[in-house]
C-alpha atoms as a PDB file:
ATOM      1  CA  MET A   1     -13.129 -51.382  37.531  1.00  0.00           C
ATOM      2  CA  ALA A   2     -14.891 -48.139  36.578  1.00  0.00           C
ATOM      3  CA  ALA A   3     -12.871 -44.986  36.413  1.00  0.00           C
ATOM      4  CA  VAL A   4     -13.573 -42.541  39.200  1.00  0.00           C
ATOM      5  CA  LYS A   5     -14.273 -39.055  37.984  1.00  0.00           C
ATOM      6  CA  LYS A   6     -12.592 -36.362  40.012  1.00  0.00           C
ATOM      7  CA  VAL A   7     -14.704 -33.336  40.746  1.00  0.00           C
ATOM      8  CA  LYS A   8     -12.909 -30.032  40.783  1.00  0.00           C
ATOM      9  CA  LYS A   9     -13.762 -27.724  43.607  1.00  0.00           C
ATOM     10  CA  SER A  10     -14.510 -24.243  42.433  1.00  0.00           C
ATOM     11  CA  ALA A  11     -11.938 -21.709  43.423  1.00  0.00           C
ATOM     12  CA  PRO A  12     -13.002 -19.172  46.002  1.00  0.00           C
ATOM     13  CA  LYS A  13     -14.256 -15.905  44.543  1.00  0.00           C
ATOM     14  CA  LYS A  14     -11.412 -13.430  44.204  1.00  0.00           C
ATOM     15  CA  LYS A  15     -11.883 -10.059  45.769  1.00  0.00           C
ATOM     16  CA  PRO A  16     -10.955  -7.109  43.575  1.00  0.00           C
ATOM     17  CA  ALA A  17      -7.602  -5.509  44.197  1.00  0.00           C
ATOM     18  CA  VAL A  18      -7.751  -2.670  46.663  1.00  0.00           C
ATOM     19  CA  ALA A  19      -5.695   0.477  46.309  1.00  0.00           C
ATOM     20  CA  LYS A  20      -4.772   3.051  48.884  1.00  0.00           C
ATOM     21  CA  ALA A  21      -7.045   6.096  48.847  1.00  0.00           C
ATOM     22  CA  PRO A  22      -5.262   9.108  47.381  1.00  0.00           C
ATOM     23  CA  ASP A  23      -4.692  12.213  49.421  1.00  0.00           C
ATOM     24  CA  PRO A  24      -7.766  14.482  49.068  1.00  0.00           C
ATOM     25  CA  ALA A  25      -5.553  17.410  48.036  1.00  0.00           C
ATOM     26  CA  VAL A  26      -3.961  15.345  45.237  1.00  0.00           C
ATOM     27  CA  LEU A  27      -7.391  14.179  44.039  1.00  0.00           C
ATOM     28  CA  ALA A  28      -8.705  17.754  44.080  1.00  0.00           C
ATOM     29  CA  ALA A  29      -5.667  18.934  42.117  1.00  0.00           C
ATOM     30  CA  GLU A  30      -6.219  16.188  39.496  1.00  0.00           C
ATOM     31  CA  ILE A  31      -9.925  16.753  38.902  1.00  0.00           C
ATOM     32  CA  GLY A  32      -9.797  20.514  39.448  1.00  0.00           C
ATOM     33  CA  PRO A  33     -13.167  22.260  39.232  1.00  0.00           C
ATOM     34  CA  ALA A  34     -14.935  18.879  38.957  1.00  0.00           C
ATOM     35  CA  ALA A  35     -14.252  18.241  42.659  1.00  0.00           C
ATOM     36  CA  SER A  36     -17.678  19.675  43.458  1.00  0.00           C
ATOM     37  CA  VAL A  37     -19.270  17.202  41.021  1.00  0.00           C
ATOM     38  CA  TRP A  38     -17.354  14.325  42.659  1.00  0.00           C
ATOM     39  CA  ASP A  39     -18.593  15.366  46.108  1.00  0.00           C
ATOM     40  CA  ALA A  40     -22.156  15.835  44.842  1.00  0.00           C
ATOM     41  CA  VAL A  41     -22.277  12.357  43.252  1.00  0.00           C
ATOM     42  CA  VAL A  42     -20.924  10.701  46.407  1.00  0.00           C
ATOM     43  CA  ALA A  43     -23.385  12.633  48.599  1.00  0.00           C
ATOM     44  CA  ALA A  44     -26.343  11.871  46.293  1.00  0.00           C
ATOM     45  CA  VAL A  45     -25.636   8.128  46.243  1.00  0.00           C
ATOM     46  CA  GLN A  46     -25.041   7.995  49.994  1.00  0.00           C
ATOM     47  CA  ALA A  47     -28.342   9.822  50.533  1.00  0.00           C
ATOM     48  CA  ILE A  48     -30.096   6.951  48.723  1.00  0.00           C
ATOM     49  CA  VAL A  49     -28.303   4.111  50.473  1.00  0.00           C
ATOM     50  CA  PRO A  50     -25.391   4.040  52.934  1.00  0.00           C
ATOM     51  CA  CYS A  51     -22.384   2.790  51.014  1.00  0.00           C
ATOM     52  CA  ASP A  52     -18.601   2.595  51.109  1.00  0.00           C
ATOM     53  CA  LEU A  53     -16.088   4.341  48.881  1.00  0.00           C
ATOM     54  CA  ASP A  54     -13.460   1.811  47.790  1.00  0.00           C
ATOM     55  CA  TRP A  55     -10.397   2.531  45.674  1.00  0.00           C
ATOM     56  CA  ARG A  56      -9.006   0.184  43.026  1.00  0.00           C
ATOM     57  CA  PRO A  57      -5.850   0.319  40.932  1.00  0.00           C
ATOM     58  CA  ALA A  58      -6.293   1.143  37.255  1.00  0.00           C
ATOM     59  CA  LYS A  59      -4.396   1.868  34.082  1.00  0.00           C
ATOM     60  CA  LEU A  60      -5.666   5.437  34.111  1.00  0.00           C
ATOM     61  CA  PRO A  61      -3.491   8.540  34.161  1.00  0.00           C
ATOM     62  CA  PHE A  62      -4.398   8.999  37.851  1.00  0.00           C
ATOM     63  CA  GLY A  63      -3.651   5.333  38.670  1.00  0.00           C
ATOM     64  CA  VAL A  64      -6.785   4.561  40.720  1.00  0.00           C
ATOM     65  CA  TYR A  65     -10.553   4.862  40.521  1.00  0.00           C
ATOM     66  CA  ALA A  66     -13.296   4.835  43.143  1.00  0.00           C
ATOM     67  CA  VAL A  67     -16.267   2.518  43.501  1.00  0.00           C
ATOM     68  CA  LEU A  68     -19.308   3.284  45.621  1.00  0.00           C
ATOM     69  CA  ARG A  69     -20.351  -0.123  47.004  1.00  0.00           C
ATOM     70  CA  LYS A  70     -23.175  -1.466  49.124  1.00  0.00           C
ATOM     71  CA  LYS A  71     -21.873  -4.713  50.620  1.00  0.00           C
ATOM     72  CA  ASP A  72     -20.757  -6.733  47.562  1.00  0.00           C
ATOM     73  CA  ARG A  73     -22.647  -4.690  44.980  1.00  0.00           C
ATOM     74  CA  ASN A  74     -20.968  -1.991  42.877  1.00  0.00           C
ATOM     75  CA  LEU A  75     -23.284   1.001  42.523  1.00  0.00           C
ATOM     76  CA  VAL A  76     -21.228   3.704  40.786  1.00  0.00           C
ATOM     77  CA  TYR A  77     -17.712   3.923  39.392  1.00  0.00           C
ATOM     78  CA  LEU A  78     -15.941   7.306  39.662  1.00  0.00           C
ATOM     79  CA  MET A  79     -12.984   7.795  37.336  1.00  0.00           C
ATOM     80  CA  PRO A  80     -10.778  10.817  38.033  1.00  0.00           C
ATOM     81  CA  GLN A  81      -9.687  12.488  34.801  1.00  0.00           C
ATOM     82  CA  PRO A  82      -7.529  15.600  34.370  1.00  0.00           C
ATOM     83  CA  GLY A  83      -9.962  18.440  35.116  1.00  0.00           C
ATOM     84  CA  ALA A  84     -13.034  16.197  35.044  1.00  0.00           C
ATOM     85  CA  VAL A  85     -14.855  13.211  36.520  1.00  0.00           C
ATOM     86  CA  GLU A  86     -16.213  10.269  34.562  1.00  0.00           C
ATOM     87  CA  VAL A  87     -19.130   8.426  36.172  1.00  0.00           C
ATOM     88  CA  ARG A  88     -20.089   4.897  35.125  1.00  0.00           C
ATOM     89  CA  VAL A  89     -23.154   2.901  36.109  1.00  0.00           C
ATOM     90  CA  MET A  90     -24.001  -0.704  35.187  1.00  0.00           C
ATOM     91  CA  LEU A  91     -27.755  -1.332  34.960  1.00  0.00           C
ATOM     92  CA  GLY A  92     -29.417  -4.720  34.576  1.00  0.00           C
ATOM     93  CA  GLU A  93     -32.330  -5.204  32.167  1.00  0.00           C
ATOM     94  CA  ARG A  94     -35.054  -4.331  34.682  1.00  0.00           C
ATOM     95  CA  ALA A  95     -33.311  -1.184  35.910  1.00  0.00           C
ATOM     96  CA  PHE A  96     -32.431  -0.151  32.358  1.00  0.00           C
ATOM     97  CA  GLY A  97     -36.091  -0.518  31.357  1.00  0.00           C
ATOM     98  CA  LEU A  98     -37.125   1.710  34.257  1.00  0.00           C
ATOM     99  CA  ALA A  99     -34.473   4.266  33.326  1.00  0.00           C
ATOM    100  CA  THR A 100     -35.446   4.470  29.664  1.00  0.00           C
ATOM    101  CA  ALA A 101     -39.133   4.836  30.548  1.00  0.00           C
ATOM    102  CA  ALA A 102     -38.497   7.512  33.190  1.00  0.00           C
ATOM    103  CA  LYS A 103     -38.154  11.258  32.867  1.00  0.00           C
ATOM    104  CA  LEU A 104     -34.402  11.679  33.035  1.00  0.00           C
ATOM    105  CA  PRO A 105     -32.303  14.613  31.819  1.00  0.00           C
ATOM    106  CA  ALA A 106     -31.884  14.477  28.029  1.00  0.00           C
ATOM    107  CA  ARG A 107     -28.107  13.966  28.224  1.00  0.00           C
ATOM    108  CA  ILE A 108     -28.419  10.997  30.595  1.00  0.00           C
ATOM    109  CA  LYS A 109     -31.152   9.467  28.434  1.00  0.00           C
ATOM    110  CA  LYS A 110     -29.009   9.889  25.311  1.00  0.00           C
ATOM    111  CA  LEU A 111     -25.983   8.292  27.000  1.00  0.00           C
ATOM    112  CA  ALA A 112     -28.170   5.436  28.256  1.00  0.00           C
ATOM    113  CA  GLY A 113     -29.328   4.811  24.688  1.00  0.00           C
ATOM    114  CA  GLU A 114     -25.686   4.651  23.563  1.00  0.00           C
ATOM    115  CA  ALA A 115     -24.643   2.375  26.448  1.00  0.00           C
ATOM    116  CA  LYS A 116     -22.509  -0.662  25.720  1.00  0.00           C
ATOM    117  CA  ILE A 117     -24.353  -3.911  26.409  1.00  0.00           C
ATOM    118  CA  TYR A 118     -22.606  -6.660  28.345  1.00  0.00           C
ATOM    119  CA  PRO A 119     -23.989  -9.887  29.847  1.00  0.00           C
ATOM    120  CA  GLU A 120     -24.218  -8.070  33.200  1.00  0.00           C
ATOM    121  CA  GLY A 121     -26.293  -5.254  31.725  1.00  0.00           C
ATOM    122  CA  HIS A 122     -26.018  -1.817  30.149  1.00  0.00           C
ATOM    123  CA  TYR A 123     -22.815   0.108  30.918  1.00  0.00           C
ATOM    124  CA  ILE A 124     -23.648   3.817  30.987  1.00  0.00           C
ATOM    125  CA  GLN A 125     -20.653   6.169  30.827  1.00  0.00           C
ATOM    126  CA  ILE A 126     -21.179   9.806  31.726  1.00  0.00           C
ATOM    127  CA  ALA A 127     -18.035  11.670  30.740  1.00  0.00           C
ATOM    128  CA  PRO A 128     -17.366  14.334  31.717  1.00  0.00           C
ATOM    129  CA  ALA A 129     -19.974  14.471  34.459  1.00  0.00           C
ATOM    130  CA  THR A 130     -21.392  17.892  35.289  1.00  0.00           C
ATOM    131  CA  ALA A 131     -23.402  19.249  38.195  1.00  0.00           C
ATOM    132  CA  ALA A 132     -26.524  19.031  36.005  1.00  0.00           C
ATOM    133  CA  ASP A 133     -25.980  15.247  35.686  1.00  0.00           C
ATOM    134  CA  VAL A 134     -26.008  14.520  39.437  1.00  0.00           C
ATOM    135  CA  PRO A 135     -29.823  14.173  39.818  1.00  0.00           C
ATOM    136  CA  GLY A 136     -29.909  11.840  36.797  1.00  0.00           C
ATOM    137  CA  ILE A 137     -27.075   9.731  38.216  1.00  0.00           C
ATOM    138  CA  ALA A 138     -28.943   9.505  41.517  1.00  0.00           C
ATOM    139  CA  LYS A 139     -32.060   8.347  39.649  1.00  0.00           C
ATOM    140  CA  LEU A 140     -30.058   5.648  37.844  1.00  0.00           C
ATOM    141  CA  VAL A 141     -28.825   4.356  41.214  1.00  0.00           C
ATOM    142  CA  GLU A 142     -32.400   4.396  42.556  1.00  0.00           C
ATOM    143  CA  TYR A 143     -33.556   2.294  39.594  1.00  0.00           C
ATOM    144  CA  LYS A 144     -30.643  -0.072  40.132  1.00  0.00           C
ATOM    145  CA  LEU A 145     -31.603  -0.540  43.781  1.00  0.00           C
ATOM    146  CA  GLU A 146     -35.385  -0.129  43.578  1.00  0.00           C
ATOM    147  CA  ARG A 147     -36.362  -3.741  44.169  1.00  0.00           C
ATOM    148  CA  PHE A 148     -33.789  -4.181  46.928  1.00  0.00           C
ATOM    149  CA  LEU A 149     -34.682  -1.021  48.838  1.00  0.00           C
ATOM    150  CA  LYS A 150     -38.362  -1.978  48.942  1.00  0.00           C
ATOM    151  CA  SER A 151     -37.982  -5.696  49.663  1.00  0.00           C
ATOM    152  CA  GLY A 152     -35.573  -5.709  52.566  1.00  0.00           C
ATOM    153  CA  SER A 153     -33.160  -7.960  50.670  1.00  0.00           C
ATOM    154  CA  ARG A 154     -29.502  -8.510  51.425  1.00  0.00           C
ATOM    155  CA  PHE A 155     -28.709  -5.009  50.181  1.00  0.00           C
ATOM    156  CA  SER A 156     -31.016  -3.341  52.639  1.00  0.00           C
ATOM    157  CA  ASP A 157     -30.309  -3.175  56.342  1.00  0.00           C
ATOM    158  CA  LYS A 158     -33.898  -3.907  57.382  1.00  0.00           C
ATOM    159  CA  LYS A 159     -33.207  -7.480  58.590  1.00  0.00           C
ATOM    160  CA  ARG A 160     -30.016  -6.462  60.372  1.00  0.00           C
ATOM    161  CA  ASP A 161     -31.823  -3.611  62.142  1.00  0.00           C
ATOM    162  CA  HIS A 162     -34.596  -6.004  63.196  1.00  0.00           C
ATOM    163  CA  LYS A 163     -32.044  -8.429  64.692  1.00  0.00           C
ATOM    164  CA  ILE A 164     -30.384  -5.582  66.591  1.00  0.00           C
ATOM    165  CA  LYS A 165     -33.720  -4.381  68.007  1.00  0.00           C
ATOM    166  CA  CYS A 166     -34.637  -7.937  69.061  1.00  0.00           C
ATOM    167  CA  ALA A 167     -31.274  -8.333  70.799  1.00  0.00           C
ATOM    168  CA  GLU A 168     -31.827  -5.023  72.618  1.00  0.00           C
ATOM    169  CA  GLY A 169     -35.272  -6.151  73.780  1.00  0.00           C
ATOM    170  CA  VAL A 170     -37.267  -3.582  71.788  1.00  0.00           C
ATOM    171  CA  SER A 171     -40.907  -4.599  71.435  1.00  0.00           C
ATOM    172  CA  PHE A 172     -42.657  -4.295  68.075  1.00  0.00           C
ATOM    173  CA  GLY A 173     -46.234  -4.269  69.421  1.00  0.00           C
END
């Protein structure tokens, strides 16, 4: 009799650990004058695409870091540092090509050229982030999302909005 091969079922995808959001006063005390940069980065990314601010535990001096996410996609990582903010962005090959060909601030372009390369893409670390870096960070996020914002894919809310309008009886004629 032939041996029956057992097929392993793949384990369900683990969700990243979630940490409790720190008190805003404690966060402001940790990052000090960089609090305005933190707020500007969050506002700039949320102006591009509505997203959530999630907190995750980390082996950093502050103990947690923030991730701006659109559904299941990480857009920007914000690392609180004493007196500063470190911003990290992971760009795939297509987005990285757009970023290197674009007119970005010289510092952002230099950091993109020095980015570590992983199978997921290029890991750009902007540390410490300054107010002058915020427009460049916003551009990086735009390049990361460009195809999705235009196509109405799962990261855009175009299909969801259409379903809502159909359910409400809105005509499209």
